[in-house]
Amino acid sequence: MQAGRELAEQGFVAHSPTFKLGRPLLNEVFWLQPHTVLGQIATPTLIVHGTKDTFVPIDSSWAAAAQLRAPHRLVEIEGAQHGFAVHDDPTYADPQSQEWQAFVIQTVADWLTT
């Protein structure tokens, strides 16, 4: 119940030093259930996920991709944390984070234009 008190007192729950979960996001997480309609999506779908993501496990993307019936692609960024960065690089200053960011941008651009 600590999280509930934190939400009531501060208006958010600190998920990490740089990421706060506010009431609107928490409402989406608890009330919207996209996993229940993945098989109904008719639009081609690109999923990009870091393999070392500690906020959202990559297993969730594997499960989502398995449910999709529309054309789709799952791109795994080997070693990337959430946000496609190295661990503890919130400003994306590390050259590896910058390389992953550029790769993700190019991958999305290619997906949208082909």
N, C-alpha and C. Protein backbone atom coordinates (compact mmCIF):
# COMPACT_ATOMS: atom_id res chain seq x y z
N MET A 1 0.80 -1.19 0.00
CA MET A 1 0.00 0.00 0.00
C MET A 1 0.85 1.27 0.00
N GLN A 2 2.17 1.10 0.09
CA GLN A 2 3.06 2.25 0.03
C GLN A 2 2.87 3.00 -1.28
N ALA A 3 2.73 2.27 -2.38
CA ALA A 3 2.55 2.91 -3.68
C ALA A 3 1.26 3.73 -3.71
N GLY A 4 0.22 3.22 -3.10
CA GLY A 4 -1.05 3.95 -3.04
C GLY A 4 -0.91 5.25 -2.27
N ARG A 5 -0.19 5.21 -1.16
CA ARG A 5 0.04 6.43 -0.38
C ARG A 5 0.88 7.43 -1.19
N GLU A 6 1.90 6.91 -1.86
CA GLU A 6 2.76 7.76 -2.69
C GLU A 6 1.95 8.44 -3.78
N LEU A 7 1.08 7.69 -4.42
CA LEU A 7 0.24 8.24 -5.49
C LEU A 7 -0.68 9.32 -4.93
N ALA A 8 -1.30 9.07 -3.79
CA ALA A 8 -2.21 10.03 -3.19
C ALA A 8 -1.49 11.30 -2.74
N GLU A 9 -0.31 11.14 -2.16
CA GLU A 9 0.41 12.29 -1.61
C GLU A 9 1.15 13.09 -2.68
N GLN A 10 1.78 12.41 -3.63
CA GLN A 10 2.62 13.08 -4.61
C GLN A 10 1.98 13.24 -5.98
N GLY A 11 0.96 12.41 -6.25
CA GLY A 11 0.35 12.42 -7.56
C GLY A 11 1.03 11.50 -8.55
N PHE A 12 2.04 10.76 -8.09
CA PHE A 12 2.75 9.81 -8.93
C PHE A 12 3.46 8.79 -8.06
N VAL A 13 3.88 7.70 -8.69
CA VAL A 13 4.71 6.68 -8.07
C VAL A 13 6.02 6.67 -8.84
N ALA A 14 7.12 6.80 -8.14
CA ALA A 14 8.42 6.80 -8.81
C ALA A 14 8.78 5.38 -9.22
N HIS A 15 8.87 5.17 -10.52
CA HIS A 15 9.25 3.85 -11.04
C HIS A 15 10.77 3.74 -11.13
N SER A 16 11.41 4.87 -11.37
CA SER A 16 12.86 4.97 -11.41
C SER A 16 13.19 6.43 -11.13
N PRO A 17 14.45 6.76 -11.02
CA PRO A 17 14.78 8.17 -10.78
C PRO A 17 14.30 9.11 -11.89
N THR A 18 14.10 8.59 -13.09
CA THR A 18 13.72 9.46 -14.21
C THR A 18 12.33 9.16 -14.78
N PHE A 19 11.59 8.22 -14.18
CA PHE A 19 10.30 7.84 -14.74
C PHE A 19 9.26 7.77 -13.64
N LYS A 20 8.25 8.63 -13.76
CA LYS A 20 7.18 8.69 -12.76
C LYS A 20 5.89 8.15 -13.37
N LEU A 21 5.20 7.31 -12.61
CA LEU A 21 3.93 6.75 -13.05
C LEU A 21 2.81 7.59 -12.44
N GLY A 22 2.14 8.38 -13.27
CA GLY A 22 1.03 9.20 -12.81
C GLY A 22 -0.28 8.44 -12.93
N ARG A 23 -1.31 9.02 -12.37
CA ARG A 23 -2.63 8.38 -12.38
C ARG A 23 -3.12 8.07 -13.80
N PRO A 24 -2.97 8.96 -14.79
CA PRO A 24 -3.46 8.61 -16.13
C PRO A 24 -2.78 7.36 -16.71
N LEU A 25 -1.48 7.26 -16.54
CA LEU A 25 -0.78 6.08 -17.06
C LEU A 25 -1.21 4.83 -16.31
N LEU A 26 -1.32 4.93 -15.00
CA LEU A 26 -1.74 3.76 -14.21
C LEU A 26 -3.16 3.34 -14.59
N ASN A 27 -4.04 4.30 -14.85
CA ASN A 27 -5.39 3.95 -15.29
C ASN A 27 -5.35 3.17 -16.60
N GLU A 28 -4.51 3.60 -17.52
CA GLU A 28 -4.38 2.87 -18.79
C GLU A 28 -3.90 1.45 -18.55
N VAL A 29 -2.91 1.30 -17.71
CA VAL A 29 -2.34 -0.02 -17.45
C VAL A 29 -3.38 -0.97 -16.87
N PHE A 30 -4.20 -0.46 -15.96
CA PHE A 30 -5.16 -1.34 -15.28
C PHE A 30 -6.46 -1.53 -16.04
N TRP A 31 -6.88 -0.55 -16.85
CA TRP A 31 -8.18 -0.65 -17.49
C TRP A 31 -8.12 -1.03 -18.96
N LEU A 32 -7.12 -0.58 -19.67
CA LEU A 32 -6.97 -0.98 -21.06
C LEU A 32 -6.19 -2.28 -21.11
N GLN A 33 -6.63 -3.19 -21.91
CA GLN A 33 -5.97 -4.49 -21.98
C GLN A 33 -5.70 -4.84 -23.44
N PRO A 34 -4.70 -4.20 -24.04
CA PRO A 34 -4.45 -4.42 -25.47
C PRO A 34 -4.15 -5.87 -25.82
N HIS A 35 -3.60 -6.62 -24.89
CA HIS A 35 -3.28 -8.02 -25.18
C HIS A 35 -4.53 -8.84 -25.54
N THR A 36 -5.70 -8.34 -25.16
CA THR A 36 -6.93 -9.10 -25.44
C THR A 36 -7.42 -8.90 -26.88
N VAL A 37 -6.85 -7.93 -27.60
CA VAL A 37 -7.32 -7.66 -28.97
C VAL A 37 -6.20 -7.72 -30.01
N LEU A 38 -5.03 -8.17 -29.63
CA LEU A 38 -3.91 -8.20 -30.56
C LEU A 38 -4.23 -8.97 -31.83
N GLY A 39 -4.95 -10.06 -31.70
CA GLY A 39 -5.30 -10.88 -32.87
C GLY A 39 -6.25 -10.19 -33.82
N GLN A 40 -6.87 -9.09 -33.39
CA GLN A 40 -7.81 -8.35 -34.24
C GLN A 40 -7.16 -7.20 -35.00
N ILE A 41 -5.92 -6.90 -34.69
CA ILE A 41 -5.23 -5.80 -35.36
C ILE A 41 -4.99 -6.17 -36.82
N ALA A 42 -5.41 -5.29 -37.73
CA ALA A 42 -5.28 -5.56 -39.15
C ALA A 42 -4.15 -4.76 -39.80
N THR A 43 -3.57 -3.85 -39.06
CA THR A 43 -2.52 -2.98 -39.59
C THR A 43 -1.15 -3.62 -39.39
N PRO A 44 -0.29 -3.57 -40.39
CA PRO A 44 1.07 -4.06 -40.19
C PRO A 44 1.69 -3.41 -38.96
N THR A 45 2.40 -4.20 -38.17
CA THR A 45 2.86 -3.75 -36.86
C THR A 45 4.35 -4.03 -36.69
N LEU A 46 5.05 -3.01 -36.24
CA LEU A 46 6.47 -3.12 -35.91
C LEU A 46 6.62 -3.03 -34.40
N ILE A 47 7.34 -3.98 -33.83
CA ILE A 47 7.67 -3.96 -32.40
C ILE A 47 9.19 -3.90 -32.30
N VAL A 48 9.70 -2.94 -31.55
CA VAL A 48 11.14 -2.81 -31.32
C VAL A 48 11.35 -2.86 -29.82
N HIS A 49 12.23 -3.76 -29.36
CA HIS A 49 12.37 -3.98 -27.92
C HIS A 49 13.82 -4.32 -27.57
N GLY A 50 14.32 -3.74 -26.51
CA GLY A 50 15.65 -4.06 -26.00
C GLY A 50 15.63 -5.37 -25.22
N THR A 51 16.63 -6.20 -25.44
CA THR A 51 16.66 -7.51 -24.78
C THR A 51 16.97 -7.42 -23.29
N LYS A 52 17.52 -6.30 -22.83
CA LYS A 52 17.85 -6.14 -21.41
C LYS A 52 16.90 -5.15 -20.72
N ASP A 53 15.73 -4.95 -21.29
CA ASP A 53 14.74 -4.02 -20.73
C ASP A 53 14.28 -4.54 -19.37
N THR A 54 14.50 -3.74 -18.32
CA THR A 54 14.08 -4.14 -16.98
C THR A 54 12.74 -3.54 -16.59
N PHE A 55 12.20 -2.62 -17.40
CA PHE A 55 10.87 -2.07 -17.13
C PHE A 55 9.78 -2.94 -17.73
N VAL A 56 9.98 -3.33 -18.98
CA VAL A 56 9.02 -4.17 -19.71
C VAL A 56 9.80 -5.34 -20.27
N PRO A 57 9.63 -6.52 -19.71
CA PRO A 57 10.39 -7.69 -20.19
C PRO A 57 10.12 -7.98 -21.66
N ILE A 58 11.16 -8.40 -22.36
CA ILE A 58 11.01 -8.68 -23.79
C ILE A 58 10.03 -9.82 -24.04
N ASP A 59 9.82 -10.66 -23.05
CA ASP A 59 8.82 -11.73 -23.18
C ASP A 59 7.46 -11.17 -23.58
N SER A 60 7.13 -9.97 -23.12
CA SER A 60 5.84 -9.38 -23.46
C SER A 60 5.75 -9.08 -24.96
N SER A 61 6.85 -8.70 -25.56
CA SER A 61 6.85 -8.46 -27.02
C SER A 61 6.78 -9.77 -27.79
N TRP A 62 7.47 -10.80 -27.29
CA TRP A 62 7.37 -12.11 -27.93
C TRP A 62 5.93 -12.60 -27.90
N ALA A 63 5.28 -12.44 -26.75
CA ALA A 63 3.88 -12.88 -26.61
C ALA A 63 2.97 -12.08 -27.52
N ALA A 64 3.20 -10.77 -27.61
CA ALA A 64 2.38 -9.93 -28.48
C ALA A 64 2.56 -10.33 -29.94
N ALA A 65 3.79 -10.51 -30.36
CA ALA A 65 4.06 -10.89 -31.75
C ALA A 65 3.39 -12.22 -32.10
N ALA A 66 3.38 -13.14 -31.15
CA ALA A 66 2.77 -14.45 -31.40
C ALA A 66 1.25 -14.34 -31.61
N GLN A 67 0.64 -13.30 -31.06
CA GLN A 67 -0.81 -13.13 -31.18
C GLN A 67 -1.22 -12.34 -32.42
N LEU A 68 -0.29 -11.59 -32.99
CA LEU A 68 -0.61 -10.76 -34.15
C LEU A 68 -0.89 -11.62 -35.37
N ARG A 69 -1.92 -11.28 -36.11
CA ARG A 69 -2.27 -11.98 -37.34
C ARG A 69 -1.90 -11.13 -38.55
N ALA A 70 -1.81 -9.83 -38.36
CA ALA A 70 -1.41 -8.92 -39.44
C ALA A 70 0.09 -9.08 -39.68
N PRO A 71 0.57 -8.64 -40.84
CA PRO A 71 2.02 -8.66 -41.05
C PRO A 71 2.70 -7.90 -39.92
N HIS A 72 3.77 -8.48 -39.41
CA HIS A 72 4.45 -7.84 -38.29
C HIS A 72 5.92 -8.23 -38.25
N ARG A 73 6.67 -7.45 -37.51
CA ARG A 73 8.09 -7.72 -37.33
C ARG A 73 8.47 -7.34 -35.91
N LEU A 74 9.22 -8.20 -35.26
CA LEU A 74 9.77 -7.92 -33.94
C LEU A 74 11.27 -7.75 -34.10
N VAL A 75 11.77 -6.57 -33.78
CA VAL A 75 13.19 -6.28 -33.85
C VAL A 75 13.71 -6.22 -32.42
N GLU A 76 14.66 -7.07 -32.12
CA GLU A 76 15.28 -7.10 -30.79
C GLU A 76 16.60 -6.33 -30.84
N ILE A 77 16.78 -5.43 -29.91
CA ILE A 77 18.03 -4.68 -29.80
C ILE A 77 18.84 -5.35 -28.70
N GLU A 78 19.81 -6.14 -29.10
CA GLU A 78 20.60 -6.95 -28.16
C GLU A 78 21.33 -6.06 -27.15
N GLY A 79 21.00 -6.26 -25.88
CA GLY A 79 21.66 -5.56 -24.79
C GLY A 79 21.03 -4.25 -24.37
N ALA A 80 20.06 -3.76 -25.14
CA ALA A 80 19.48 -2.45 -24.85
C ALA A 80 18.50 -2.51 -23.68
N GLN A 81 18.57 -1.50 -22.86
CA GLN A 81 17.66 -1.27 -21.75
C GLN A 81 16.42 -0.57 -22.30
N HIS A 82 15.44 -0.34 -21.45
CA HIS A 82 14.24 0.41 -21.83
C HIS A 82 14.66 1.77 -22.36
N GLY A 83 14.07 2.19 -23.45
CA GLY A 83 14.45 3.45 -24.07
C GLY A 83 15.63 3.29 -25.01
N PHE A 84 16.06 2.05 -25.23
CA PHE A 84 17.16 1.75 -26.14
C PHE A 84 18.45 2.46 -25.71
N ALA A 85 18.81 2.22 -24.47
CA ALA A 85 20.02 2.81 -23.89
C ALA A 85 20.74 1.76 -23.08
N VAL A 86 21.99 2.05 -22.75
CA VAL A 86 22.71 1.20 -21.82
C VAL A 86 22.16 1.47 -20.43
N HIS A 87 22.38 0.57 -19.50
CA HIS A 87 21.89 0.72 -18.14
C HIS A 87 22.47 2.00 -17.52
N ASP A 88 21.62 2.74 -16.82
CA ASP A 88 22.02 3.97 -16.12
C ASP A 88 22.60 5.03 -17.06
N ASP A 89 21.95 5.23 -18.20
CA ASP A 89 22.35 6.29 -19.12
C ASP A 89 21.12 7.13 -19.47
N PRO A 90 20.55 7.84 -18.48
CA PRO A 90 19.29 8.57 -18.72
C PRO A 90 19.43 9.72 -19.71
N THR A 91 20.64 10.21 -19.94
CA THR A 91 20.82 11.31 -20.89
C THR A 91 21.27 10.83 -22.27
N TYR A 92 21.39 9.54 -22.44
CA TYR A 92 21.80 8.95 -23.72
C TYR A 92 23.16 9.48 -24.18
N ALA A 93 24.05 9.68 -23.23
CA ALA A 93 25.39 10.19 -23.53
C ALA A 93 26.34 9.09 -23.99
N ASP A 94 26.07 7.87 -23.59
CA ASP A 94 26.95 6.76 -23.94
C ASP A 94 26.88 6.51 -25.46
N PRO A 95 28.03 6.32 -26.11
CA PRO A 95 28.02 6.07 -27.56
C PRO A 95 27.17 4.86 -27.95
N GLN A 96 27.11 3.84 -27.11
CA GLN A 96 26.28 2.67 -27.44
C GLN A 96 24.81 3.05 -27.45
N SER A 97 24.38 3.86 -26.48
CA SER A 97 22.99 4.33 -26.47
C SER A 97 22.69 5.11 -27.74
N GLN A 98 23.60 5.97 -28.15
CA GLN A 98 23.40 6.77 -29.35
C GLN A 98 23.34 5.88 -30.59
N GLU A 99 24.15 4.85 -30.62
CA GLU A 99 24.12 3.92 -31.75
C GLU A 99 22.78 3.20 -31.82
N TRP A 100 22.30 2.72 -30.65
CA TRP A 100 21.00 2.05 -30.63
C TRP A 100 19.88 3.00 -31.03
N GLN A 101 19.93 4.25 -30.54
CA GLN A 101 18.91 5.23 -30.90
C GLN A 101 18.87 5.43 -32.42
N ALA A 102 20.03 5.59 -33.03
CA ALA A 102 20.10 5.79 -34.48
C ALA A 102 19.55 4.57 -35.22
N PHE A 103 19.87 3.37 -34.72
CA PHE A 103 19.39 2.15 -35.35
C PHE A 103 17.86 2.06 -35.27
N VAL A 104 17.31 2.40 -34.12
CA VAL A 104 15.86 2.34 -33.95
C VAL A 104 15.17 3.36 -34.87
N ILE A 105 15.70 4.56 -34.92
CA ILE A 105 15.12 5.58 -35.80
C ILE A 105 15.15 5.11 -37.25
N GLN A 106 16.26 4.55 -37.69
CA GLN A 106 16.37 4.06 -39.06
C GLN A 106 15.43 2.89 -39.31
N THR A 107 15.32 1.99 -38.34
CA THR A 107 14.44 0.84 -38.48
C THR A 107 12.99 1.28 -38.62
N VAL A 108 12.57 2.23 -37.81
CA VAL A 108 11.18 2.73 -37.89
C VAL A 108 10.97 3.47 -39.22
N ALA A 109 11.93 4.29 -39.62
CA ALA A 109 11.81 5.01 -40.89
C ALA A 109 11.70 4.03 -42.06
N ASP A 110 12.52 2.99 -42.04
CA ASP A 110 12.46 1.97 -43.10
C ASP A 110 11.11 1.27 -43.11
N TRP A 111 10.60 0.94 -41.93
CA TRP A 111 9.30 0.26 -41.81
C TRP A 111 8.19 1.12 -42.41
N LEU A 112 8.25 2.40 -42.12
CA LEU A 112 7.20 3.31 -42.58
C LEU A 112 7.26 3.62 -44.07
N THR A 113 8.44 3.49 -44.66
CA THR A 113 8.59 3.87 -46.06
C THR A 113 8.65 2.72 -47.02
N THR A 114 8.61 1.48 -46.53
CA THR A 114 8.65 0.33 -47.45
C THR A 114 7.36 -0.45 -47.39
